[in-house]
Amino acid sequence: MYAVVRTGGKQHRVSKGDRLKVDKVAGDVGAEIKLDDVLLLGGDGEAKIGKPTVGGAVVTAKIVDQGQGPKVRSYKRRKRKGYHRMVGHRQEFTELEITGIQG
């Protein structure tokens, strides 16, 4: 059985046992969270498609890690003006392990 969930403005196809990195979700490592924004359920016979979400469907996950991704560097420059600037950013993420899908 699999599900398509929306978290952090992105959609992810998940099934039990999968690990995925999503935009930061509040919670401590080891905590259980529920993803109730389920867009599609499939795998057993015909797929259930939500309008916009599937009613009563919940995906449970365990927080495995909270961290930051690699540094992304951006260089800003204006030609012939002597202006240049280096900007860096590290995106925070949460690593989840899917523990169950109810629908």
PDB file of N, CA and C in Angstrom:
ATOM      1  N   MET A   1       0.848  -1.179   0.000  1.00  0.00           N
ATOM      2  CA  MET A   1       0.000   0.000   0.000  1.00  0.00           C
ATOM      3  C   MET A   1       0.888   1.235   0.000  1.00  0.00           C
ATOM      4  N   TYR A   2       0.486   2.262  -0.744  1.00  0.00           N
ATOM      5  CA  TYR A   2       1.239   3.500  -0.806  1.00  0.00           C
ATOM      6  C   TYR A   2       0.283   4.679  -0.715  1.00  0.00           C
ATOM      7  N   ALA A   3       0.860   5.844  -0.438  1.00  0.00           N
ATOM      8  CA  ALA A   3       0.070   7.069  -0.335  1.00  0.00           C
ATOM      9  C   ALA A   3       0.883   8.224  -0.897  1.00  0.00           C
ATOM     10  N   VAL A   4       0.183   9.243  -1.346  1.00  0.00           N
ATOM     11  CA  VAL A   4       0.822  10.493  -1.754  1.00  0.00           C
ATOM     12  C   VAL A   4       0.411  11.536  -0.726  1.00  0.00           C
ATOM     13  N   VAL A   5       1.408  12.090  -0.023  1.00  0.00           N
ATOM     14  CA  VAL A   5       1.141  13.084   1.020  1.00  0.00           C
ATOM     15  C   VAL A   5       1.759  14.417   0.618  1.00  0.00           C
ATOM     16  N   ARG A   6       1.167  15.489   1.147  1.00  0.00           N
ATOM     17  CA  ARG A   6       1.688  16.827   0.889  1.00  0.00           C
ATOM     18  C   ARG A   6       2.221  17.385   2.206  1.00  0.00           C
ATOM     19  N   THR A   7       3.481  17.784   2.203  1.00  0.00           N
ATOM     20  CA  THR A   7       4.084  18.411   3.375  1.00  0.00           C
ATOM     21  C   THR A   7       5.127  19.410   2.896  1.00  0.00           C
ATOM     22  N   GLY A   8       5.115  20.582   3.480  1.00  0.00           N
ATOM     23  CA  GLY A   8       6.062  21.617   3.096  1.00  0.00           C
ATOM     24  C   GLY A   8       5.869  22.126   1.683  1.00  0.00           C
ATOM     25  N   GLY A   9       4.646  22.017   1.156  1.00  0.00           N
ATOM     26  CA  GLY A   9       4.375  22.489  -0.196  1.00  0.00           C
ATOM     27  C   GLY A   9       4.813  21.526  -1.285  1.00  0.00           C
ATOM     28  N   LYS A  10       5.292  20.336  -0.900  1.00  0.00           N
ATOM     29  CA  LYS A  10       5.730  19.341  -1.881  1.00  0.00           C
ATOM     30  C   LYS A  10       4.946  18.051  -1.680  1.00  0.00           C
ATOM     31  N   GLN A  11       4.867  17.252  -2.737  1.00  0.00           N
ATOM     32  CA  GLN A  11       4.164  15.980  -2.675  1.00  0.00           C
ATOM     33  C   GLN A  11       5.174  14.846  -2.685  1.00  0.00           C
ATOM     34  N   HIS A  12       4.924  13.821  -1.845  1.00  0.00           N
ATOM     35  CA  HIS A  12       5.823  12.682  -1.738  1.00  0.00           C
ATOM     36  C   HIS A  12       5.006  11.398  -1.796  1.00  0.00           C
ATOM     37  N   ARG A  13       5.484  10.425  -2.595  1.00  0.00           N
ATOM     38  CA  ARG A  13       4.872   9.095  -2.609  1.00  0.00           C
ATOM     39  C   ARG A  13       5.597   8.256  -1.564  1.00  0.00           C
ATOM     40  N   VAL A  14       4.844   7.697  -0.618  1.00  0.00           N
ATOM     41  CA  VAL A  14       5.445   6.963   0.491  1.00  0.00           C
ATOM     42  C   VAL A  14       4.757   5.621   0.674  1.00  0.00           C
ATOM     43  N   SER A  15       5.489   4.687   1.244  1.00  0.00           N
ATOM     44  CA  SER A  15       4.925   3.415   1.677  1.00  0.00           C
ATOM     45  C   SER A  15       5.598   3.063   3.003  1.00  0.00           C
ATOM     46  N   LYS A  16       5.084   2.053   3.684  1.00  0.00           N
ATOM     47  CA  LYS A  16       5.578   1.706   5.013  1.00  0.00           C
ATOM     48  C   LYS A  16       7.063   1.343   4.950  1.00  0.00           C
ATOM     49  N   GLY A  17       7.839   1.910   5.877  1.00  0.00           N
ATOM     50  CA  GLY A  17       9.270   1.634   5.938  1.00  0.00           C
ATOM     51  C   GLY A  17      10.140   2.619   5.169  1.00  0.00           C
ATOM     52  N   ASP A  18       9.530   3.481   4.354  1.00  0.00           N
ATOM     53  CA  ASP A  18      10.304   4.466   3.589  1.00  0.00           C
ATOM     54  C   ASP A  18      10.893   5.527   4.508  1.00  0.00           C
ATOM     55  N   ARG A  19      12.048   6.064   4.106  1.00  0.00           N
ATOM     56  CA  ARG A  19      12.655   7.209   4.781  1.00  0.00           C
ATOM     57  C   ARG A  19      12.722   8.342   3.776  1.00  0.00           C
ATOM     58  N   LEU A  20      12.351   9.530   4.208  1.00  0.00           N
ATOM     59  CA  LEU A  20      12.411  10.667   3.318  1.00  0.00           C
ATOM     60  C   LEU A  20      12.747  11.931   4.075  1.00  0.00           C
ATOM     61  N   LYS A  21      13.366  12.879   3.358  1.00  0.00           N
ATOM     62  CA  LYS A  21      13.705  14.169   3.937  1.00  0.00           C
ATOM     63  C   LYS A  21      12.689  15.186   3.450  1.00  0.00           C
ATOM     64  N   VAL A  22      12.079  15.890   4.400  1.00  0.00           N
ATOM     65  CA  VAL A  22      11.092  16.912   4.083  1.00  0.00           C
ATOM     66  C   VAL A  22      11.528  18.219   4.735  1.00  0.00           C
ATOM     67  N   ASP A  23      10.891  19.326   4.349  1.00  0.00           N
ATOM     68  CA  ASP A  23      11.162  20.600   4.999  1.00  0.00           C
ATOM     69  C   ASP A  23      10.875  20.465   6.487  1.00  0.00           C
ATOM     70  N   LYS A  24      11.540  21.269   7.282  1.00  0.00           N
ATOM     71  CA  LYS A  24      11.503  21.142   8.743  1.00  0.00           C
ATOM     72  C   LYS A  24      10.083  21.046   9.295  1.00  0.00           C
ATOM     73  N   VAL A  25       9.883  20.030  10.144  1.00  0.00           N
ATOM     74  CA  VAL A  25       8.637  19.812  10.867  1.00  0.00           C
ATOM     75  C   VAL A  25       8.971  19.896  12.352  1.00  0.00           C
ATOM     76  N   ALA A  26       8.165  20.629  13.111  1.00  0.00           N
ATOM     77  CA  ALA A  26       8.431  20.780  14.541  1.00  0.00           C
ATOM     78  C   ALA A  26       8.268  19.443  15.252  1.00  0.00           C
ATOM     79  N   GLY A  27       9.205  19.127  16.146  1.00  0.00           N
ATOM     80  CA  GLY A  27       9.148  17.898  16.919  1.00  0.00           C
ATOM     81  C   GLY A  27      10.537  17.425  17.285  1.00  0.00           C
ATOM     82  N   ASP A  28      10.611  16.580  18.298  1.00  0.00           N
ATOM     83  CA  ASP A  28      11.885  16.032  18.749  1.00  0.00           C
ATOM     84  C   ASP A  28      12.170  14.721  18.040  1.00  0.00           C
ATOM     85  N   VAL A  29      13.440  14.345  18.014  1.00  0.00           N
ATOM     86  CA  VAL A  29      13.841  13.066  17.417  1.00  0.00           C
ATOM     87  C   VAL A  29      13.194  11.940  18.211  1.00  0.00           C
ATOM     88  N   GLY A  30      12.578  10.990  17.515  1.00  0.00           N
ATOM     89  CA  GLY A  30      11.884   9.870  18.147  1.00  0.00           C
ATOM     90  C   GLY A  30      10.392  10.097  18.313  1.00  0.00           C
ATOM     91  N   ALA A  31       9.912  11.318  18.075  1.00  0.00           N
ATOM     92  CA  ALA A  31       8.487  11.619  18.238  1.00  0.00           C
ATOM     93  C   ALA A  31       7.682  11.085  17.051  1.00  0.00           C
ATOM     94  N   GLU A  32       6.429  10.713  17.312  1.00  0.00           N
ATOM     95  CA  GLU A  32       5.490  10.262  16.272  1.00  0.00           C
ATOM     96  C   GLU A  32       4.723  11.480  15.775  1.00  0.00           C
ATOM     97  N   ILE A  33       4.593  11.594  14.453  1.00  0.00           N
ATOM     98  CA  ILE A  33       3.762  12.658  13.885  1.00  0.00           C
ATOM     99  C   ILE A  33       2.766  12.038  12.921  1.00  0.00           C
ATOM    100  N   LYS A  34       1.688  12.778  12.676  1.00  0.00           N
ATOM    101  CA  LYS A  34       0.655  12.323  11.747  1.00  0.00           C
ATOM    102  C   LYS A  34       0.599  13.285  10.575  1.00  0.00           C
ATOM    103  N   LEU A  35       0.656  12.730   9.379  1.00  0.00           N
ATOM    104  CA  LEU A  35       0.510  13.510   8.147  1.00  0.00           C
ATOM    105  C   LEU A  35      -0.902  13.244   7.637  1.00  0.00           C
ATOM    106  N   ASP A  36      -1.806  14.209   7.834  1.00  0.00           N
ATOM    107  CA  ASP A  36      -3.199  13.988   7.456  1.00  0.00           C
ATOM    108  C   ASP A  36      -3.572  14.649   6.142  1.00  0.00           C
ATOM    109  N   ASP A  37      -2.605  15.236   5.443  1.00  0.00           N
ATOM    110  CA  ASP A  37      -2.853  15.844   4.137  1.00  0.00           C
ATOM    111  C   ASP A  37      -2.549  14.793   3.058  1.00  0.00           C
ATOM    112  N   VAL A  38      -3.383  13.740   2.996  1.00  0.00           N
ATOM    113  CA  VAL A  38      -3.185  12.612   2.085  1.00  0.00           C
ATOM    114  C   VAL A  38      -3.986  12.869   0.811  1.00  0.00           C
ATOM    115  N   LEU A  39      -3.292  12.898  -0.330  1.00  0.00           N
ATOM    116  CA  LEU A  39      -3.930  13.209  -1.607  1.00  0.00           C
ATOM    117  C   LEU A  39      -4.398  11.962  -2.355  1.00  0.00           C
ATOM    118  N   LEU A  40      -3.736  10.820  -2.122  1.00  0.00           N
ATOM    119  CA  LEU A  40      -4.067   9.604  -2.858  1.00  0.00           C
ATOM    120  C   LEU A  40      -3.654   8.386  -2.034  1.00  0.00           C
ATOM    121  N   LEU A  41      -4.484   7.339  -2.085  1.00  0.00           N
ATOM    122  CA  LEU A  41      -4.165   6.045  -1.491  1.00  0.00           C
ATOM    123  C   LEU A  41      -4.245   4.994  -2.584  1.00  0.00           C
ATOM    124  N   GLY A  42      -3.275   4.109  -2.633  1.00  0.00           N
ATOM    125  CA  GLY A  42      -3.296   3.088  -3.672  1.00  0.00           C
ATOM    126  C   GLY A  42      -2.587   1.833  -3.220  1.00  0.00           C
ATOM    127  N   GLY A  43      -2.624   0.821  -4.093  1.00  0.00           N
ATOM    128  CA  GLY A  43      -1.928  -0.430  -3.805  1.00  0.00           C
ATOM    129  C   GLY A  43      -2.846  -1.609  -3.672  1.00  0.00           C
ATOM    130  N   ASP A  44      -3.973  -1.479  -2.989  1.00  0.00           N
ATOM    131  CA  ASP A  44      -4.931  -2.575  -2.817  1.00  0.00           C
ATOM    132  C   ASP A  44      -6.130  -2.319  -3.722  1.00  0.00           C
ATOM    133  N   GLY A  45      -6.108  -2.892  -4.902  1.00  0.00           N
ATOM    134  CA  GLY A  45      -7.225  -2.682  -5.836  1.00  0.00           C
ATOM    135  C   GLY A  45      -7.171  -1.297  -6.447  1.00  0.00           C
ATOM    136  N   GLU A  46      -8.329  -0.635  -6.476  1.00  0.00           N
ATOM    137  CA  GLU A  46      -8.425   0.676  -7.112  1.00  0.00           C
ATOM    138  C   GLU A  46      -7.947   1.776  -6.167  1.00  0.00           C
ATOM    139  N   ALA A  47      -7.296   2.785  -6.727  1.00  0.00           N
ATOM    140  CA  ALA A  47      -6.759   3.889  -5.935  1.00  0.00           C
ATOM    141  C   ALA A  47      -7.881   4.829  -5.492  1.00  0.00           C
ATOM    142  N   LYS A  48      -7.740   5.376  -4.282  1.00  0.00           N
ATOM    143  CA  LYS A  48      -8.671   6.388  -3.787  1.00  0.00           C
ATOM    144  C   LYS A  48      -8.029   7.749  -4.021  1.00  0.00           C
ATOM    145  N   ILE A  49      -8.694   8.582  -4.786  1.00  0.00           N
ATOM    146  CA  ILE A  49      -8.176   9.906  -5.108  1.00  0.00           C
ATOM    147  C   ILE A  49      -8.978  10.936  -4.332  1.00  0.00           C
ATOM    148  N   GLY A  50      -8.278  11.820  -3.636  1.00  0.00           N
ATOM    149  CA  GLY A  50      -8.937  12.827  -2.814  1.00  0.00           C
ATOM    150  C   GLY A  50      -9.398  14.024  -3.610  1.00  0.00           C
ATOM    151  N   LYS A  51     -10.378  14.728  -3.062  1.00  0.00           N
ATOM    152  CA  LYS A  51     -10.921  15.938  -3.691  1.00  0.00           C
ATOM    153  C   LYS A  51     -10.998  17.040  -2.659  1.00  0.00           C
ATOM    154  N   PRO A  52      -9.996  17.709  -2.222  1.00  0.00           N
ATOM    155  CA  PRO A  52      -8.580  17.568  -2.580  1.00  0.00           C
ATOM    156  C   PRO A  52      -7.839  16.528  -1.752  1.00  0.00           C
ATOM    157  N   THR A  53      -8.378  16.124  -0.576  1.00  0.00           N
ATOM    158  CA  THR A  53      -7.705  15.098   0.222  1.00  0.00           C
ATOM    159  C   THR A  53      -8.643  13.920   0.462  1.00  0.00           C
ATOM    160  N   VAL A  54      -8.059  12.782   0.812  1.00  0.00           N
ATOM    161  CA  VAL A  54      -8.834  11.583   1.114  1.00  0.00           C
ATOM    162  C   VAL A  54      -9.306  11.693   2.569  1.00  0.00           C
ATOM    163  N   GLY A  55     -10.617  11.662   2.763  1.00  0.00           N
ATOM    164  CA  GLY A  55     -11.177  11.805   4.104  1.00  0.00           C
ATOM    165  C   GLY A  55     -10.834  10.634   5.007  1.00  0.00           C
ATOM    166  N   GLY A  56     -10.363  10.920   6.202  1.00  0.00           N
ATOM    167  CA  GLY A  56     -10.067   9.891   7.189  1.00  0.00           C
ATOM    168  C   GLY A  56      -8.738   9.176   7.003  1.00  0.00           C
ATOM    169  N   ALA A  57      -8.001   9.506   5.975  1.00  0.00           N
ATOM    170  CA  ALA A  57      -6.712   8.852   5.734  1.00  0.00           C
ATOM    171  C   ALA A  57      -5.613   9.563   6.514  1.00  0.00           C
ATOM    172  N   VAL A  58      -4.757   8.770   7.148  1.00  0.00           N
ATOM    173  CA  VAL A  58      -3.666   9.319   7.953  1.00  0.00           C
ATOM    174  C   VAL A  58      -2.411   8.485   7.714  1.00  0.00           C
ATOM    175  N   VAL A  59      -1.290   9.171   7.546  1.00  0.00           N
ATOM    176  CA  VAL A  59       0.010   8.512   7.451  1.00  0.00           C
ATOM    177  C   VAL A  59       0.778   8.866   8.716  1.00  0.00           C
ATOM    178  N   THR A  60       1.245   7.840   9.446  1.00  0.00           N
ATOM    179  CA  THR A  60       2.016   8.088  10.663  1.00  0.00           C
ATOM    180  C   THR A  60       3.495   7.909  10.356  1.00  0.00           C
ATOM    181  N   ALA A  61       4.307   8.760  10.980  1.00  0.00           N
ATOM    182  CA  ALA A  61       5.747   8.714  10.746  1.00  0.00           C
ATOM    183  C   ALA A  61       6.484   9.007  12.036  1.00  0.00           C
ATOM    184  N   LYS A  62       7.730   8.546  12.105  1.00  0.00           N
ATOM    185  CA  LYS A  62       8.589   8.790  13.256  1.00  0.00           C
ATOM    186  C   LYS A  62       9.722   9.707  12.811  1.00  0.00           C
ATOM    187  N   ILE A  63      10.038  10.717  13.631  1.00  0.00           N
ATOM    188  CA  ILE A  63      11.132  11.636  13.303  1.00  0.00           C
ATOM    189  C   ILE A  63      12.446  10.942  13.630  1.00  0.00           C
ATOM    190  N   VAL A  64      13.287  10.762  12.599  1.00  0.00           N
ATOM    191  CA  VAL A  64      14.559  10.073  12.749  1.00  0.00           C
ATOM    192  C   VAL A  64      15.689  11.083  12.981  1.00  0.00           C
ATOM    193  N   ASP A  65      15.625  12.241  12.315  1.00  0.00           N
ATOM    194  CA  ASP A  65      16.717  13.206  12.398  1.00  0.00           C
ATOM    195  C   ASP A  65      16.209  14.601  12.095  1.00  0.00           C
ATOM    196  N   GLN A  66      16.812  15.589  12.741  1.00  0.00           N
ATOM    197  CA  GLN A  66      16.602  16.996  12.423  1.00  0.00           C
ATOM    198  C   GLN A  66      17.972  17.528  12.025  1.00  0.00           C
ATOM    199  N   GLY A  67      18.066  18.187  10.876  1.00  0.00           N
ATOM    200  CA  GLY A  67      19.394  18.643  10.456  1.00  0.00           C
ATOM    201  C   GLY A  67      19.329  19.755   9.436  1.00  0.00           C
ATOM    202  N   GLN A  68      20.500  20.014   8.850  1.00  0.00           N
ATOM    203  CA  GLN A  68      20.614  21.026   7.814  1.00  0.00           C
ATOM    204  C   GLN A  68      21.268  20.409   6.596  1.00  0.00           C
ATOM    205  N   GLY A  69      20.835  20.849   5.425  1.00  0.00           N
ATOM    206  CA  GLY A  69      21.394  20.368   4.177  1.00  0.00           C
ATOM    207  C   GLY A  69      22.724  21.035   3.885  1.00  0.00           C
ATOM    208  N   PRO A  70      23.307  20.752   2.724  1.00  0.00           N
ATOM    209  CA  PRO A  70      24.587  21.362   2.369  1.00  0.00           C
ATOM    210  C   PRO A  70      24.433  22.858   2.107  1.00  0.00           C
ATOM    211  N   LYS A  71      25.537  23.584   2.247  1.00  0.00           N
ATOM    212  CA  LYS A  71      25.503  25.024   2.022  1.00  0.00           C
ATOM    213  C   LYS A  71      25.336  25.314   0.534  1.00  0.00           C
ATOM    214  N   VAL A  72      24.414  26.213   0.230  1.00  0.00           N
ATOM    215  CA  VAL A  72      24.203  26.684  -1.136  1.00  0.00           C
ATOM    216  C   VAL A  72      24.738  28.103  -1.187  1.00  0.00           C
ATOM    217  N   ARG A  73      25.668  28.358  -2.091  1.00  0.00           N
ATOM    218  CA  ARG A  73      26.266  29.687  -2.196  1.00  0.00           C
ATOM    219  C   ARG A  73      25.729  30.394  -3.423  1.00  0.00           C
ATOM    220  N   SER A  74      25.456  31.674  -3.254  1.00  0.00           N
ATOM    221  CA  SER A  74      24.975  32.497  -4.355  1.00  0.00           C
ATOM    222  C   SER A  74      25.860  33.729  -4.428  1.00  0.00           C
ATOM    223  N   TYR A  75      26.225  34.135  -5.617  1.00  0.00           N
ATOM    224  CA  TYR A  75      27.112  35.280  -5.814  1.00  0.00           C
ATOM    225  C   TYR A  75      26.351  36.358  -6.569  1.00  0.00           C
ATOM    226  N   LYS A  76      26.246  37.532  -5.956  1.00  0.00           N
ATOM    227  CA  LYS A  76      25.566  38.657  -6.582  1.00  0.00           C
ATOM    228  C   LYS A  76      26.621  39.640  -7.089  1.00  0.00           C
ATOM    229  N   ARG A  77      26.419  40.174  -8.289  1.00  0.00           N
ATOM    230  CA  ARG A  77      27.398  41.076  -8.875  1.00  0.00           C
ATOM    231  C   ARG A  77      26.718  42.042  -9.842  1.00  0.00           C
ATOM    232  N   ARG A  78      27.192  43.279  -9.865  1.00  0.00           N
ATOM    233  CA  ARG A  78      26.741  44.265 -10.844  1.00  0.00           C
ATOM    234  C   ARG A  78      27.945  44.670 -11.683  1.00  0.00           C
ATOM    235  N   LYS A  79      27.852  44.481 -12.976  1.00  0.00           N
ATOM    236  CA  LYS A  79      29.014  44.779 -13.820  1.00  0.00           C
ATOM    237  C   LYS A  79      29.332  46.281 -13.821  1.00  0.00           C
ATOM    238  N   ARG A  80      30.619  46.558 -13.798  1.00  0.00           N
ATOM    239  CA  ARG A  80      31.180  47.921 -13.874  1.00  0.00           C
ATOM    240  C   ARG A  80      30.819  48.805 -12.689  1.00  0.00           C
ATOM    241  N   LYS A  81      30.251  48.294 -11.632  1.00  0.00           N
ATOM    242  CA  LYS A  81      29.847  49.114 -10.481  1.00  0.00           C
ATOM    243  C   LYS A  81      30.665  48.808  -9.226  1.00  0.00           C
ATOM    244  N   GLY A  82      31.480  47.778  -9.255  1.00  0.00           N
ATOM    245  CA  GLY A  82      32.285  47.424  -8.088  1.00  0.00           C
ATOM    246  C   GLY A  82      31.486  46.746  -6.993  1.00  0.00           C
ATOM    247  N   TYR A  83      30.266  46.308  -7.297  1.00  0.00           N
ATOM    248  CA  TYR A  83      29.415  45.666  -6.300  1.00  0.00           C
ATOM    249  C   TYR A  83      29.476  44.157  -6.478  1.00  0.00           C
ATOM    250  N   HIS A  84      29.813  43.457  -5.410  1.00  0.00           N
ATOM    251  CA  HIS A  84      29.725  41.998  -5.408  1.00  0.00           C
ATOM    252  C   HIS A  84      29.501  41.547  -3.979  1.00  0.00           C
ATOM    253  N   ARG A  85      28.781  40.439  -3.853  1.00  0.00           N
ATOM    254  CA  ARG A  85      28.395  39.960  -2.534  1.00  0.00           C
ATOM    255  C   ARG A  85      28.180  38.448  -2.592  1.00  0.00           C
ATOM    256  N   MET A  86      28.692  37.744  -1.582  1.00  0.00           N
ATOM    257  CA  MET A  86      28.507  36.297  -1.483  1.00  0.00           C
ATOM    258  C   MET A  86      27.433  36.030  -0.428  1.00  0.00           C
ATOM    259  N   VAL A  87      26.451  35.220  -0.782  1.00  0.00           N
ATOM    260  CA  VAL A  87      25.362  34.885   0.120  1.00  0.00           C
ATOM    261  C   VAL A  87      25.328  33.364   0.267  1.00  0.00           C
ATOM    262  N   GLY A  88      25.208  32.870   1.508  1.00  0.00           N
ATOM    263  CA  GLY A  88      25.129  31.434   1.751  1.00  0.00           C
ATOM    264  C   GLY A  88      23.854  31.082   2.509  1.00  0.00           C
ATOM    265  N   HIS A  89      23.401  29.830   2.323  1.00  0.00           N
ATOM    266  CA  HIS A  89      22.158  29.389   2.972  1.00  0.00           C
ATOM    267  C   HIS A  89      22.224  27.883   3.183  1.00  0.00           C
ATOM    268  N   ARG A  90      21.745  27.412   4.350  1.00  0.00           N
ATOM    269  CA  ARG A  90      21.601  25.984   4.610  1.00  0.00           C
ATOM    270  C   ARG A  90      20.155  25.712   4.992  1.00  0.00           C
ATOM    271  N   GLN A  91      19.470  24.907   4.185  1.00  0.00           N
ATOM    272  CA  GLN A  91      18.063  24.598   4.397  1.00  0.00           C
ATOM    273  C   GLN A  91      17.918  23.562   5.502  1.00  0.00           C
ATOM    274  N   GLU A  92      17.013  23.818   6.451  1.00  0.00           N
ATOM    275  CA  GLU A  92      16.746  22.851   7.517  1.00  0.00           C
ATOM    276  C   GLU A  92      15.806  21.767   7.003  1.00  0.00           C
ATOM    277  N   PHE A  93      16.014  20.525   7.477  1.00  0.00           N
ATOM    278  CA  PHE A  93      15.172  19.410   7.058  1.00  0.00           C
ATOM    279  C   PHE A  93      14.855  18.510   8.239  1.00  0.00           C
ATOM    280  N   THR A  94      13.842  17.670   8.037  1.00  0.00           N
ATOM    281  CA  THR A  94      13.479  16.629   8.985  1.00  0.00           C
ATOM    282  C   THR A  94      13.466  15.316   8.225  1.00  0.00           C
ATOM    283  N   GLU A  95      14.139  14.306   8.752  1.00  0.00           N
ATOM    284  CA  GLU A  95      14.110  12.988   8.128  1.00  0.00           C
ATOM    285  C   GLU A  95      13.051  12.149   8.833  1.00  0.00           C
ATOM    286  N   LEU A  96      12.124  11.602   8.047  1.00  0.00           N
ATOM    287  CA  LEU A  96      11.006  10.825   8.584  1.00  0.00           C
ATOM    288  C   LEU A  96      11.112   9.373   8.149  1.00  0.00           C
ATOM    289  N   GLU A  97      10.634   8.481   9.013  1.00  0.00           N
ATOM    290  CA  GLU A  97      10.458   7.073   8.650  1.00  0.00           C
ATOM    291  C   GLU A  97       8.978   6.766   8.757  1.00  0.00           C
ATOM    292  N   ILE A  98       8.378   6.298   7.666  1.00  0.00           N
ATOM    293  CA  ILE A  98       6.945   6.023   7.624  1.00  0.00           C
ATOM    294  C   ILE A  98       6.673   4.726   8.396  1.00  0.00           C
ATOM    295  N   THR A  99       5.766   4.811   9.390  1.00  0.00           N
ATOM    296  CA  THR A  99       5.462   3.641  10.217  1.00  0.00           C
ATOM    297  C   THR A  99       4.110   3.015   9.896  1.00  0.00           C
ATOM    298  N   GLY A 100       3.209   3.747   9.246  1.00  0.00           N
ATOM    299  CA  GLY A 100       1.918   3.163   8.930  1.00  0.00           C
ATOM    300  C   GLY A 100       1.061   4.060   8.055  1.00  0.00           C
ATOM    301  N   ILE A 101       0.139   3.406   7.337  1.00  0.00           N
ATOM    302  CA  ILE A 101      -0.817   4.130   6.489  1.00  0.00           C
ATOM    303  C   ILE A 101      -2.200   3.593   6.803  1.00  0.00           C
ATOM    304  N   GLN A 102      -3.092   4.475   7.266  1.00  0.00           N
ATOM    305  CA  GLN A 102      -4.471   4.082   7.515  1.00  0.00           C
ATOM    306  C   GLN A 102      -5.378   4.854   6.555  1.00  0.00           C
ATOM    307  N   GLY A 103      -6.324   4.176   5.990  1.00  0.00           N
ATOM    308  CA  GLY A 103      -7.188   4.880   5.075  1.00  0.00           C
ATOM    309  C   GLY A 103      -8.483   4.181   4.946  1.00  0.00           C
TER     310      GLY A 103
END
